[in-house]
Amino acid sequence: MSCAIALLGAATVVTACATDAPDAVERHEITCFAASDLPAGTTRVDVSLKEWSIELSSDTMKAGNVGFVATNEGTMVHEMLVVRADDPASLPYAANGSVNESAIPASDTLGEIAEFAAGTTCARTFALTPGHYAMFCNIAEGDSVHLKKGMITTFTVTA
């Protein structure tokens, strides 16, 4: 079993221990970890993903370790990406309405919880710095883009 810690631009990403964590961190993706694996002293924020919304238990939090506990309450697979963004409209959108993830500066790309099934809860902790952030599901299935249908939200981290 190994533990993964990676520095990704504006924030440090801290994950729980898992056998496949190193590969996941290299791709900036995290497999599903239990909420009970959040590090001690982490501020917990619950995230509800469903067709077609993302809701946070709080949209303002203090800088430091923030653990997002994401529950897929929908009927489809979803993912949860986190990027630094003063205005989500300024993100690099592709023609189909999804975000072109490779065009986001590395310093603004914090990471994601990779696709996870309906009824599943996954957790990931970020060491967040003050600023504005966007969280979204960027799954595109043909012309159906989850973000375009409303699966995006914003939050603010204060000093």
Protein backbone atom coordinates (compact mmCIF):
# COMPACT_ATOMS: atom_id res chain seq x y z
CA MET A 1 0.00 0.00 0.00
CA SER A 2 1.36 3.46 -0.80
CA CYS A 3 0.35 7.02 -0.02
CA ALA A 4 0.33 9.78 -2.60
CA ILE A 5 1.00 13.47 -2.18
CA ALA A 6 1.42 15.75 -5.19
CA LEU A 7 1.97 19.47 -5.65
CA LEU A 8 -0.19 20.74 -8.50
CA GLY A 9 0.12 24.45 -9.10
CA ALA A 10 -2.03 26.51 -6.75
CA ALA A 11 -2.75 23.75 -4.28
CA THR A 12 -1.33 20.65 -2.73
CA VAL A 13 -3.35 17.54 -3.34
CA VAL A 14 -3.42 15.09 -0.47
CA THR A 15 -4.93 11.67 -0.96
CA ALA A 16 -5.63 8.73 1.26
CA CYS A 17 -3.60 5.54 1.03
CA ALA A 18 -4.43 3.12 -1.78
CA THR A 19 -2.58 0.58 -3.86
CA ASP A 20 -3.05 2.51 -7.12
CA ALA A 21 -2.64 6.08 -5.85
CA PRO A 22 0.73 6.86 -7.55
CA ASP A 23 -0.64 6.17 -11.05
CA ALA A 24 -3.78 8.14 -10.24
CA VAL A 25 -1.83 11.20 -9.11
CA GLU A 26 0.33 11.18 -12.24
CA ARG A 27 -2.87 11.57 -14.28
CA HIS A 28 -4.26 14.15 -11.81
CA GLU A 29 -7.09 11.71 -11.18
CA ILE A 30 -7.96 9.96 -7.96
CA THR A 31 -9.72 6.70 -7.53
CA CYS A 32 -12.53 6.54 -5.01
CA PHE A 33 -11.55 6.98 -1.35
CA ALA A 34 -13.87 6.83 1.65
CA ALA A 35 -14.79 9.95 3.62
CA SER A 36 -13.32 8.23 6.68
CA ASP A 37 -9.91 8.46 4.96
CA LEU A 38 -9.86 12.28 5.09
CA PRO A 39 -6.79 13.48 7.01
CA ALA A 40 -7.30 14.79 10.55
CA GLY A 41 -7.92 18.54 10.68
CA THR A 42 -9.50 18.63 7.24
CA THR A 43 -12.51 20.88 6.64
CA ARG A 44 -15.22 18.67 5.14
CA VAL A 45 -17.43 19.94 2.32
CA ASP A 46 -20.16 17.61 1.04
CA VAL A 47 -20.77 17.58 -2.71
CA SER A 48 -23.92 16.25 -4.38
CA LEU A 49 -23.67 15.38 -8.08
CA LYS A 50 -26.79 14.45 -10.04
CA GLU A 51 -28.40 15.09 -13.37
CA TRP A 52 -27.83 18.07 -13.98
CA SER A 53 -26.36 19.89 -11.00
CA ILE A 54 -23.53 20.03 -8.50
CA GLU A 55 -24.36 21.32 -5.02
CA LEU A 56 -21.88 22.09 -2.22
CA SER A 57 -22.70 22.13 1.49
CA SER A 58 -20.73 25.40 1.60
CA ASP A 59 -19.56 27.65 -1.22
CA THR A 60 -17.10 29.56 0.97
CA MET A 61 -14.33 27.96 3.00
CA LYS A 62 -11.08 28.97 4.70
CA ALA A 63 -7.72 28.21 3.11
CA GLY A 64 -6.13 24.96 4.19
CA ASN A 65 -6.98 21.30 3.85
CA VAL A 66 -10.47 20.94 2.39
CA GLY A 67 -11.90 17.48 1.89
CA PHE A 68 -14.62 17.19 -0.73
CA VAL A 69 -16.89 14.22 -0.05
CA ALA A 70 -18.68 13.71 -3.36
CA THR A 71 -21.83 11.61 -3.61
CA ASN A 72 -23.18 10.66 -7.01
CA GLU A 73 -26.90 10.92 -6.33
CA GLY A 74 -27.77 10.60 -10.00
CA THR A 75 -28.36 7.62 -12.24
CA MET A 76 -25.34 8.14 -14.49
CA VAL A 77 -21.56 8.10 -14.07
CA HIS A 78 -20.11 11.51 -13.11
CA GLU A 79 -16.71 13.02 -12.34
CA MET A 80 -15.60 16.01 -10.28
CA LEU A 81 -12.91 18.36 -11.61
CA VAL A 82 -11.56 21.31 -9.61
CA VAL A 83 -9.79 24.26 -11.25
CA ARG A 84 -8.86 27.75 -10.17
CA ALA A 85 -11.08 30.15 -12.14
CA ASP A 86 -12.08 33.73 -11.37
CA ASP A 87 -14.91 33.36 -13.89
CA PRO A 88 -16.02 29.96 -15.26
CA ALA A 89 -16.99 31.68 -18.52
CA SER A 90 -13.27 32.29 -19.11
CA LEU A 91 -12.43 28.57 -19.09
CA PRO A 92 -11.26 27.18 -22.46
CA TYR A 93 -14.42 25.62 -23.89
CA ALA A 94 -14.43 23.18 -26.80
CA ALA A 95 -16.95 23.38 -29.63
CA ASN A 96 -19.23 20.79 -27.95
CA GLY A 97 -19.49 22.84 -24.73
CA SER A 98 -17.08 20.79 -22.64
CA VAL A 99 -13.96 22.33 -21.12
CA ASN A 100 -10.73 21.66 -23.01
CA GLU A 101 -8.86 20.39 -19.94
CA SER A 102 -5.46 20.33 -21.67
CA ALA A 103 -5.75 24.08 -22.37
CA ILE A 104 -6.12 24.99 -18.68
CA PRO A 105 -2.78 26.22 -17.29
CA ALA A 106 -1.15 23.57 -15.09
CA SER A 107 -1.01 26.09 -12.24
CA ASP A 108 -4.83 26.31 -12.30
CA THR A 109 -5.50 22.57 -12.61
CA LEU A 110 -6.00 21.09 -9.16
CA GLY A 111 -7.23 17.64 -10.12
CA GLU A 112 -10.30 15.50 -10.09
CA ILE A 113 -12.14 12.53 -8.79
CA ALA A 114 -12.29 10.35 -11.90
CA GLU A 115 -15.59 8.95 -13.16
CA PHE A 116 -17.55 7.22 -10.42
CA ALA A 117 -20.79 5.28 -10.52
CA ALA A 118 -24.25 6.32 -9.38
CA GLY A 119 -24.77 5.67 -5.69
CA THR A 120 -21.04 5.94 -4.94
CA THR A 121 -19.38 8.36 -2.52
CA CYS A 122 -15.76 9.40 -3.10
CA ALA A 123 -13.49 11.76 -1.17
CA ARG A 124 -10.45 13.86 -2.02
CA THR A 125 -8.56 16.47 -0.03
CA PHE A 126 -6.93 19.61 -1.42
CA ALA A 127 -4.72 22.11 0.41
CA LEU A 128 -6.48 25.17 -1.04
CA THR A 129 -5.14 28.70 -1.20
CA PRO A 130 -7.33 31.84 -1.26
CA GLY A 131 -9.09 32.43 -4.56
CA HIS A 132 -12.04 31.50 -6.75
CA TYR A 133 -12.56 27.98 -8.05
CA ALA A 134 -14.86 26.04 -10.38
CA MET A 135 -15.99 22.45 -9.90
CA PHE A 136 -17.61 20.61 -12.78
CA CYS A 137 -18.41 17.30 -14.46
CA ASN A 138 -16.81 17.31 -17.91
CA ILE A 139 -18.18 14.02 -19.22
CA ALA A 140 -19.24 14.23 -22.86
CA GLU A 141 -21.31 11.46 -24.40
CA GLY A 142 -21.87 12.42 -28.00
CA ASP A 143 -23.73 15.73 -27.97
CA SER A 144 -24.62 15.32 -24.29
CA VAL A 145 -22.10 17.30 -22.21
CA HIS A 146 -22.80 17.16 -18.47
CA LEU A 147 -21.21 20.58 -17.81
CA LYS A 148 -23.28 22.19 -20.57
CA LYS A 149 -26.44 20.79 -18.95
CA GLY A 150 -25.62 22.55 -15.67
CA MET A 151 -23.07 20.41 -13.84
CA ILE A 152 -20.81 23.28 -12.77
CA THR A 153 -20.56 25.31 -9.58
CA THR A 154 -18.15 27.78 -8.04
CA PHE A 155 -16.69 28.32 -4.60
CA THR A 156 -14.44 30.81 -2.86
CA VAL A 157 -11.54 30.13 -0.53
CA THR A 158 -10.73 32.92 1.95
CA ALA A 159 -7.58 33.62 3.96
